[in-house]
C-alpha atoms as a PDB file:
ATOM      1  CA  UNK A   1       1.204   6.983 -53.412  1.00  0.00           C
ATOM      2  CA  UNK A   2       5.097   8.903 -53.083  1.00  0.00           C
ATOM      3  CA  UNK A   3       6.104   8.927 -49.394  1.00  0.00           C
ATOM      4  CA  UNK A   4       9.076  11.277 -48.808  1.00  0.00           C
ATOM      5  CA  UNK A   5      11.845  10.280 -46.207  1.00  0.00           C
ATOM      6  CA  UNK A   6      13.721  12.368 -44.795  1.00  0.00           C
ATOM      7  CA  UNK A   7      17.487  11.280 -43.461  1.00  0.00           C
ATOM      8  CA  UNK A   8      20.176  12.100 -40.794  1.00  0.00           C
ATOM      9  CA  UNK A   9      23.075  10.977 -40.296  1.00  0.00           C
ATOM     10  CA  UNK A  10      24.993   9.962 -37.458  1.00  0.00           C
ATOM     11  CA  UNK A  11      27.555  12.927 -36.085  1.00  0.00           C
ATOM     12  CA  UNK A  12      30.622  12.806 -37.992  1.00  0.00           C
ATOM     13  CA  UNK A  13      29.014  12.668 -41.299  1.00  0.00           C
ATOM     14  CA  UNK A  14      26.513  13.750 -44.708  1.00  0.00           C
ATOM     15  CA  UNK A  15      24.313  12.560 -46.895  1.00  0.00           C
ATOM     16  CA  UNK A  16      26.899  10.896 -48.676  1.00  0.00           C
ATOM     17  CA  UNK A  17      26.700   7.445 -45.330  1.00  0.00           C
ATOM     18  CA  UNK A  18      23.310   6.782 -46.793  1.00  0.00           C
ATOM     19  CA  UNK A  19      24.486   6.528 -50.904  1.00  0.00           C
ATOM     20  CA  UNK A  20      24.797   2.489 -50.528  1.00  0.00           C
ATOM     21  CA  UNK A  21      21.064   2.625 -49.568  1.00  0.00           C
ATOM     22  CA  UNK A  22      19.014   5.095 -52.533  1.00  0.00           C
ATOM     23  CA  UNK A  23      19.840   2.015 -55.130  1.00  0.00           C
ATOM     24  CA  UNK A  24      17.553  -0.343 -53.240  1.00  0.00           C
ATOM     25  CA  UNK A  25      14.364   2.176 -51.937  1.00  0.00           C
ATOM     26  CA  UNK A  26      11.052   1.533 -54.497  1.00  0.00           C
ATOM     27  CA  UNK A  27      10.259   4.144 -56.526  1.00  0.00           C
ATOM     28  CA  UNK A  28       7.421   4.974 -54.530  1.00  0.00           C
ATOM     29  CA  UNK A  29       9.809   6.467 -52.105  1.00  0.00           C
ATOM     30  CA  UNK A  30      11.129  10.229 -52.394  1.00  0.00           C
ATOM     31  CA  UNK A  31      14.751   9.573 -50.350  1.00  0.00           C
ATOM     32  CA  UNK A  32      16.476  12.752 -49.451  1.00  0.00           C
ATOM     33  CA  UNK A  33      20.023  11.972 -47.042  1.00  0.00           C
ATOM     34  CA  UNK A  34      20.350  16.052 -45.497  1.00  0.00           C
ATOM     35  CA  UNK A  35      24.192  16.823 -44.789  1.00  0.00           C
ATOM     36  CA  UNK A  36      23.222  19.702 -41.493  1.00  0.00           C
ATOM     37  CA  UNK A  37      25.409  23.085 -41.927  1.00  0.00           C
ATOM     38  CA  UNK A  38      28.938  21.447 -39.349  1.00  0.00           C
ATOM     39  CA  UNK A  39      28.518  18.113 -41.100  1.00  0.00           C
ATOM     40  CA  UNK A  40      30.663  16.437 -43.768  1.00  0.00           C
ATOM     41  CA  UNK A  41      31.992  19.043 -46.083  1.00  0.00           C
ATOM     42  CA  UNK A  42      29.431  21.937 -45.382  1.00  0.00           C
ATOM     43  CA  UNK A  43      30.310  25.032 -43.065  1.00  0.00           C
ATOM     44  CA  UNK A  44      29.341  25.446 -39.782  1.00  0.00           C
ATOM     45  CA  UNK A  45      26.598  28.544 -38.853  1.00  0.00           C
ATOM     46  CA  UNK A  46      27.629  29.653 -36.198  1.00  0.00           C
ATOM     47  CA  UNK A  47      24.311  31.040 -35.620  1.00  0.00           C
ATOM     48  CA  UNK A  48      23.387  26.894 -34.493  1.00  0.00           C
ATOM     49  CA  UNK A  49      24.550  27.481 -30.492  1.00  0.00           C
ATOM     50  CA  UNK A  50      21.485  24.476 -29.091  1.00  0.00           C
ATOM     51  CA  UNK A  51      19.406  21.887 -30.536  1.00  0.00           C
ATOM     52  CA  UNK A  52      16.950  23.859 -30.964  1.00  0.00           C
ATOM     53  CA  UNK A  53      18.452  26.401 -33.621  1.00  0.00           C
ATOM     54  CA  UNK A  54      19.017  22.887 -35.487  1.00  0.00           C
ATOM     55  CA  UNK A  55      15.467  22.016 -35.075  1.00  0.00           C
ATOM     56  CA  UNK A  56      15.106  25.141 -37.182  1.00  0.00           C
ATOM     57  CA  UNK A  57      17.406  24.582 -39.560  1.00  0.00           C
ATOM     58  CA  UNK A  58      15.929  20.707 -40.499  1.00  0.00           C
ATOM     59  CA  UNK A  59      12.182  22.683 -40.263  1.00  0.00           C
ATOM     60  CA  UNK A  60      13.244  24.591 -42.838  1.00  0.00           C
ATOM     61  CA  UNK A  61      14.770  22.554 -45.154  1.00  0.00           C
ATOM     62  CA  UNK A  62      11.783  20.062 -45.494  1.00  0.00           C
ATOM     63  CA  UNK A  63       8.940  22.240 -45.393  1.00  0.00           C
ATOM     64  CA  UNK A  64       8.812  22.693 -49.215  1.00  0.00           C
ATOM     65  CA  UNK A  65       9.141  19.158 -49.264  1.00  0.00           C
ATOM     66  CA  UNK A  66       5.622  17.026 -50.259  1.00  0.00           C
ATOM     67  CA  UNK A  67       3.681  14.814 -47.907  1.00  0.00           C
ATOM     68  CA  UNK A  68       3.469  12.020 -46.526  1.00  0.00           C
ATOM     69  CA  UNK A  69       6.617  13.292 -44.702  1.00  0.00           C
ATOM     70  CA  UNK A  70       8.295  10.464 -42.857  1.00  0.00           C
ATOM     71  CA  UNK A  71      12.112  11.232 -40.549  1.00  0.00           C
ATOM     72  CA  UNK A  72      14.848   9.231 -40.293  1.00  0.00           C
ATOM     73  CA  UNK A  73      17.720   9.657 -38.189  1.00  0.00           C
ATOM     74  CA  UNK A  74      20.577   7.213 -36.828  1.00  0.00           C
ATOM     75  CA  UNK A  75      22.364   8.347 -34.086  1.00  0.00           C
ATOM     76  CA  UNK A  76      22.576  11.577 -33.131  1.00  0.00           C
ATOM     77  CA  UNK A  77      20.238  11.924 -36.181  1.00  0.00           C
ATOM     78  CA  UNK A  78      17.724  10.566 -33.655  1.00  0.00           C
ATOM     79  CA  UNK A  79      18.065  13.128 -31.695  1.00  0.00           C
ATOM     80  CA  UNK A  80      17.909  16.360 -33.702  1.00  0.00           C
ATOM     81  CA  UNK A  81      14.649  14.448 -35.034  1.00  0.00           C
ATOM     82  CA  UNK A  82      13.966  14.132 -31.258  1.00  0.00           C
ATOM     83  CA  UNK A  83      14.062  17.691 -30.574  1.00  0.00           C
ATOM     84  CA  UNK A  84      12.279  18.528 -33.827  1.00  0.00           C
ATOM     85  CA  UNK A  85       9.170  16.853 -32.414  1.00  0.00           C
ATOM     86  CA  UNK A  86       9.031  18.802 -29.624  1.00  0.00           C
ATOM     87  CA  UNK A  87       8.681  22.120 -31.778  1.00  0.00           C
ATOM     88  CA  UNK A  88       7.165  20.816 -34.637  1.00  0.00           C
ATOM     89  CA  UNK A  89       5.349  17.967 -34.597  1.00  0.00           C
ATOM     90  CA  UNK A  90       3.109  17.870 -37.032  1.00  0.00           C
ATOM     91  CA  UNK A  91       4.682  18.682 -39.529  1.00  0.00           C
ATOM     92  CA  UNK A  92       6.164  15.360 -39.235  1.00  0.00           C
ATOM     93  CA  UNK A  93       3.447  11.883 -40.429  1.00  0.00           C
ATOM     94  CA  UNK A  94       6.026   9.733 -38.513  1.00  0.00           C
ATOM     95  CA  UNK A  95       9.612   9.752 -37.845  1.00  0.00           C
ATOM     96  CA  UNK A  96      12.262   5.788 -37.542  1.00  0.00           C
ATOM     97  CA  UNK A  97      14.512   6.649 -35.251  1.00  0.00           C
ATOM     98  CA  UNK A  98      17.930   4.108 -35.807  1.00  0.00           C
ATOM     99  CA  UNK A  99      20.311   3.601 -32.340  1.00  0.00           C
ATOM    100  CA  UNK A 100      19.748   7.391 -31.252  1.00  0.00           C
ATOM    101  CA  UNK A 101      21.837   9.251 -28.675  1.00  0.00           C
ATOM    102  CA  UNK A 102      20.693  10.678 -25.789  1.00  0.00           C
ATOM    103  CA  UNK A 103      19.897   8.205 -23.498  1.00  0.00           C
ATOM    104  CA  UNK A 104      23.178   7.675 -20.433  1.00  0.00           C
ATOM    105  CA  UNK A 105      24.690  10.480 -21.656  1.00  0.00           C
ATOM    106  CA  UNK A 106      26.012  11.003 -18.591  1.00  0.00           C
ATOM    107  CA  UNK A 107      27.642   7.519 -17.991  1.00  0.00           C
ATOM    108  CA  UNK A 108      29.202   6.058 -21.930  1.00  0.00           C
ATOM    109  CA  UNK A 109      32.686   6.197 -21.555  1.00  0.00           C
ATOM    110  CA  UNK A 110      33.309   7.940 -25.056  1.00  0.00           C
ATOM    111  CA  UNK A 111      31.010  11.172 -24.308  1.00  0.00           C
ATOM    112  CA  UNK A 112      33.259  11.286 -21.275  1.00  0.00           C
ATOM    113  CA  UNK A 113      36.301  11.399 -23.160  1.00  0.00           C
ATOM    114  CA  UNK A 114      35.107  13.803 -25.468  1.00  0.00           C
ATOM    115  CA  UNK A 115      34.624  16.491 -22.489  1.00  0.00           C
ATOM    116  CA  UNK A 116      38.751  15.950 -21.912  1.00  0.00           C
ATOM    117  CA  UNK A 117      40.510  18.960 -23.284  1.00  0.00           C
ATOM    118  CA  UNK A 118      41.789  18.163 -26.874  1.00  0.00           C
ATOM    119  CA  UNK A 119      40.263  15.145 -27.076  1.00  0.00           C
ATOM    120  CA  UNK A 120      37.883  16.108 -29.368  1.00  0.00           C
ATOM    121  CA  UNK A 121      40.169  17.574 -32.028  1.00  0.00           C
ATOM    122  CA  UNK A 122      42.193  14.863 -31.339  1.00  0.00           C
ATOM    123  CA  UNK A 123      39.256  12.091 -31.666  1.00  0.00           C
ATOM    124  CA  UNK A 124      38.987  13.512 -35.044  1.00  0.00           C
ATOM    125  CA  UNK A 125      42.606  13.168 -36.483  1.00  0.00           C
ATOM    126  CA  UNK A 126      42.559   9.574 -35.212  1.00  0.00           C
ATOM    127  CA  UNK A 127      39.533   8.118 -36.408  1.00  0.00           C
ATOM    128  CA  UNK A 128      40.621  10.074 -40.210  1.00  0.00           C
ATOM    129  CA  UNK A 129      44.301   8.970 -40.260  1.00  0.00           C
ATOM    130  CA  UNK A 130      44.907   7.346 -42.899  1.00  0.00           C
ATOM    131  CA  UNK A 131      47.524   4.676 -41.418  1.00  0.00           C
ATOM    132  CA  UNK A 132      45.156   3.520 -38.574  1.00  0.00           C
ATOM    133  CA  UNK A 133      42.247   3.114 -41.082  1.00  0.00           C
ATOM    134  CA  UNK A 134      42.871  -0.884 -40.278  1.00  0.00           C
ATOM    135  CA  UNK A 135      42.509  -1.155 -37.372  1.00  0.00           C
ATOM    136  CA  UNK A 136      39.024   1.537 -37.490  1.00  0.00           C
ATOM    137  CA  UNK A 137      37.488  -0.054 -40.397  1.00  0.00           C
ATOM    138  CA  UNK A 138      38.255  -3.736 -37.520  1.00  0.00           C
ATOM    139  CA  UNK A 139      36.401  -1.725 -35.366  1.00  0.00           C
ATOM    140  CA  UNK A 140      33.371  -0.101 -36.368  1.00  0.00           C
ATOM    141  CA  UNK A 141      32.987  -2.610 -39.682  1.00  0.00           C
ATOM    142  CA  UNK A 142      31.692  -6.532 -39.060  1.00  0.00           C
ATOM    143  CA  UNK A 143      33.332  -7.292 -42.580  1.00  0.00           C
ATOM    144  CA  UNK A 144      35.354  -3.943 -43.879  1.00  0.00           C
ATOM    145  CA  UNK A 145      36.709  -5.722 -46.391  1.00  0.00           C
ATOM    146  CA  UNK A 146      33.349  -6.266 -49.009  1.00  0.00           C
ATOM    147  CA  UNK A 147      32.513  -1.788 -48.481  1.00  0.00           C
ATOM    148  CA  UNK A 148      34.246  -0.652 -51.209  1.00  0.00           C
ATOM    149  CA  UNK A 149      38.002   0.836 -50.327  1.00  0.00           C
ATOM    150  CA  UNK A 150      36.510   4.637 -52.213  1.00  0.00           C
ATOM    151  CA  UNK A 151      33.476   4.602 -49.909  1.00  0.00           C
ATOM    152  CA  UNK A 152      35.186   4.284 -46.902  1.00  0.00           C
ATOM    153  CA  UNK A 153      38.276   7.193 -48.034  1.00  0.00           C
ATOM    154  CA  UNK A 154      35.123   9.004 -48.109  1.00  0.00           C
ATOM    155  CA  UNK A 155      33.387   7.637 -45.076  1.00  0.00           C
ATOM    156  CA  UNK A 156      36.156   8.318 -43.251  1.00  0.00           C
ATOM    157  CA  UNK A 157      37.229  11.890 -44.054  1.00  0.00           C
ATOM    158  CA  UNK A 158      34.045  13.476 -43.249  1.00  0.00           C
ATOM    159  CA  UNK A 159      34.849  12.650 -39.956  1.00  0.00           C
ATOM    160  CA  UNK A 160      38.602  15.028 -40.415  1.00  0.00           C
ATOM    161  CA  UNK A 161      36.099  17.567 -41.828  1.00  0.00           C
ATOM    162  CA  UNK A 162      32.897  17.982 -39.865  1.00  0.00           C
ATOM    163  CA  UNK A 163      32.881  21.491 -38.015  1.00  0.00           C
ATOM    164  CA  UNK A 164      30.633  20.481 -35.635  1.00  0.00           C
ATOM    165  CA  UNK A 165      31.539  17.343 -34.444  1.00  0.00           C
ATOM    166  CA  UNK A 166      32.797  19.015 -31.316  1.00  0.00           C
ATOM    167  CA  UNK A 167      29.809  20.971 -30.740  1.00  0.00           C
ATOM    168  CA  UNK A 168      27.330  17.912 -30.460  1.00  0.00           C
ATOM    169  CA  UNK A 169      29.491  16.710 -26.890  1.00  0.00           C
ATOM    170  CA  UNK A 170      28.346  20.774 -26.050  1.00  0.00           C
ATOM    171  CA  UNK A 171      24.685  21.024 -26.877  1.00  0.00           C
ATOM    172  CA  UNK A 172      24.150  16.834 -26.684  1.00  0.00           C
ATOM    173  CA  UNK A 173      23.997  16.207 -22.387  1.00  0.00           C
ATOM    174  CA  UNK A 174      21.769  14.117 -19.820  1.00  0.00           C
ATOM    175  CA  UNK A 175      20.327  17.278 -18.858  1.00  0.00           C
ATOM    176  CA  UNK A 176      18.918  18.170 -22.547  1.00  0.00           C
ATOM    177  CA  UNK A 177      17.564  14.138 -22.879  1.00  0.00           C
ATOM    178  CA  UNK A 178      16.428  14.393 -19.611  1.00  0.00           C
ATOM    179  CA  UNK A 179      13.929  17.849 -20.668  1.00  0.00           C
ATOM    180  CA  UNK A 180      12.486  16.202 -23.211  1.00  0.00           C
ATOM    181  CA  UNK A 181       8.415  15.680 -23.167  1.00  0.00           C
ATOM    182  CA  UNK A 182       6.687  12.550 -24.757  1.00  0.00           C
ATOM    183  CA  UNK A 183       5.927  12.471 -28.325  1.00  0.00           C
ATOM    184  CA  UNK A 184       2.762  11.430 -30.017  1.00  0.00           C
ATOM    185  CA  UNK A 185       3.675  10.923 -33.343  1.00  0.00           C
ATOM    186  CA  UNK A 186       4.013   7.322 -35.370  1.00  0.00           C
ATOM    187  CA  UNK A 187       7.285   6.623 -34.335  1.00  0.00           C
ATOM    188  CA  UNK A 188       9.610   3.125 -35.048  1.00  0.00           C
ATOM    189  CA  UNK A 189      12.570   2.161 -33.098  1.00  0.00           C
ATOM    190  CA  UNK A 190      15.341   0.144 -34.551  1.00  0.00           C
ATOM    191  CA  UNK A 191      18.124  -1.229 -33.380  1.00  0.00           C
ATOM    192  CA  UNK A 192      21.112  -3.977 -33.951  1.00  0.00           C
ATOM    193  CA  UNK A 193      21.439  -7.270 -32.058  1.00  0.00           C
ATOM    194  CA  UNK A 194      24.880  -6.854 -32.583  1.00  0.00           C
ATOM    195  CA  UNK A 195      25.465  -3.016 -31.795  1.00  0.00           C
ATOM    196  CA  UNK A 196      28.357  -2.489 -30.271  1.00  0.00           C
ATOM    197  CA  UNK A 197      28.468   1.788 -29.738  1.00  0.00           C
ATOM    198  CA  UNK A 198      25.270   1.865 -28.667  1.00  0.00           C
ATOM    199  CA  UNK A 199      23.916  -1.676 -27.002  1.00  0.00           C
ATOM    200  CA  UNK A 200      20.791  -3.056 -28.327  1.00  0.00           C
ATOM    201  CA  UNK A 201      19.736  -2.603 -23.822  1.00  0.00           C
ATOM    202  CA  UNK A 202      19.245   1.149 -24.294  1.00  0.00           C
ATOM    203  CA  UNK A 203      15.985   0.750 -26.235  1.00  0.00           C
ATOM    204  CA  UNK A 204      14.130   0.318 -22.612  1.00  0.00           C
ATOM    205  CA  UNK A 205      15.449   4.071 -22.056  1.00  0.00           C
ATOM    206  CA  UNK A 206      13.225   5.431 -24.769  1.00  0.00           C
ATOM    207  CA  UNK A 207       9.906   3.761 -24.010  1.00  0.00           C
ATOM    208  CA  UNK A 208       8.755   7.473 -21.928  1.00  0.00           C
ATOM    209  CA  UNK A 209       9.376   9.611 -24.606  1.00  0.00           C
ATOM    210  CA  UNK A 210       7.990   6.973 -27.841  1.00  0.00           C
ATOM    211  CA  UNK A 211       5.778   4.270 -25.081  1.00  0.00           C
ATOM    212  CA  UNK A 212       3.065   3.742 -28.506  1.00  0.00           C
ATOM    213  CA  UNK A 213       7.127   3.129 -31.186  1.00  0.00           C
ATOM    214  CA  UNK A 214       6.845  -0.201 -32.937  1.00  0.00           C
ATOM    215  CA  UNK A 215      10.397  -1.827 -31.897  1.00  0.00           C
ATOM    216  CA  UNK A 216      12.299  -3.850 -34.541  1.00  0.00           C
ATOM    217  CA  UNK A 217      15.203  -5.291 -33.388  1.00  0.00           C
ATOM    218  CA  UNK A 218      17.437  -7.093 -35.952  1.00  0.00           C
ATOM    219  CA  UNK A 219      19.570  -9.565 -35.377  1.00  0.00           C
ATOM    220  CA  UNK A 220      22.717  -9.469 -37.930  1.00  0.00           C
ATOM    221  CA  UNK A 221      23.061  -5.470 -37.235  1.00  0.00           C
ATOM    222  CA  UNK A 222      26.238  -3.798 -35.815  1.00  0.00           C
ATOM    223  CA  UNK A 223      26.394   0.291 -36.433  1.00  0.00           C
ATOM    224  CA  UNK A 224      26.307   0.505 -39.988  1.00  0.00           C
ATOM    225  CA  UNK A 225      24.466  -1.521 -41.307  1.00  0.00           C
ATOM    226  CA  UNK A 226      22.857   1.228 -43.612  1.00  0.00           C
ATOM    227  CA  UNK A 227      26.931   0.713 -45.202  1.00  0.00           C
ATOM    228  CA  UNK A 228      27.659  -3.018 -44.948  1.00  0.00           C
ATOM    229  CA  UNK A 229      23.455  -3.715 -45.347  1.00  0.00           C
ATOM    230  CA  UNK A 230      22.235  -1.743 -47.759  1.00  0.00           C
ATOM    231  CA  UNK A 231      19.744  -3.358 -48.912  1.00  0.00           C
ATOM    232  CA  UNK A 232      18.599  -4.952 -45.574  1.00  0.00           C
ATOM    233  CA  UNK A 233      18.489  -1.300 -44.120  1.00  0.00           C
ATOM    234  CA  UNK A 234      16.202  -0.485 -47.379  1.00  0.00           C
ATOM    235  CA  UNK A 235      14.109  -2.521 -46.683  1.00  0.00           C
ATOM    236  CA  UNK A 236      13.512  -2.340 -43.341  1.00  0.00           C
ATOM    237  CA  UNK A 237      13.254   1.523 -43.545  1.00  0.00           C
ATOM    238  CA  UNK A 238      10.549   1.511 -46.545  1.00  0.00           C
ATOM    239  CA  UNK A 239       8.261  -1.338 -44.808  1.00  0.00           C
ATOM    240  CA  UNK A 240       8.594   0.782 -41.348  1.00  0.00           C
ATOM    241  CA  UNK A 241       8.063   4.093 -42.953  1.00  0.00           C
ATOM    242  CA  UNK A 242       4.848   2.853 -44.633  1.00  0.00           C
ATOM    243  CA  UNK A 243       3.823   1.871 -42.027  1.00  0.00           C
ATOM    244  CA  UNK A 244       4.139   4.751 -39.650  1.00  0.00           C
ATOM    245  CA  UNK A 245       2.014   6.648 -42.812  1.00  0.00           C
ATOM    246  CA  UNK A 246      -0.693   3.986 -42.619  1.00  0.00           C
ATOM    247  CA  UNK A 247      -1.016   4.698 -38.185  1.00  0.00           C
ATOM    248  CA  UNK A 248      -0.633   8.318 -38.862  1.00  0.00           C
ATOM    249  CA  UNK A 249      -3.997   8.487 -41.344  1.00  0.00           C
ATOM    250  CA  UNK A 250      -6.136   5.770 -38.826  1.00  0.00           C
ATOM    251  CA  UNK A 251      -5.143   8.350 -36.142  1.00  0.00           C
ATOM    252  CA  UNK A 252      -6.138  11.503 -38.741  1.00  0.00           C
END
């Protein structure tokens, strides 16, 4: 049986962010990472103004894909799936949320900083600046020396290219998160114990929305395990994808 796994990356990146994972996935998984409009090299669509607009685009992109269909989202990729399941729950057989964005948006320092005038464009410039790359590499990765330099070049360049980077701080808000209804589709929440951007204690904030979710805390993961530990990441998401599909079959 071929299982389709659709992956949405976090802010500032596109499908390339998952490119180190592909070689380690079993042949029984059809791997479909997406680059949404406005992310990485893909131009922004001015008609996309709300989270629901993005959910509609995702729906259009994945409808031609074969079932069973499992979503995977990291960071705001998980946020998009949270919104998607408010409108099209029956089109997915399960979703894996990897450190999604949504909880504590009114308290976290970085979203607050990005609301200040000029900070979004400045932030993109600083993150993508070649002169600051060694500092950012140390800040974002536990062992940046293990990541190929050509991968890091594109990783940081995509932050500069992402036209929707700033918009995410307008449409991903505490009010949006608090408006979401609980989700009863098979789901899993995974989080790295060493996560430095979104600490592992955020897990508790998603229990209202995903009360039946499988919880997986991974001891040696930081914020980008799909980049730093692609083989282990592939193993975990493949295992969870099949667990969710098993649950979906049992519920039908």
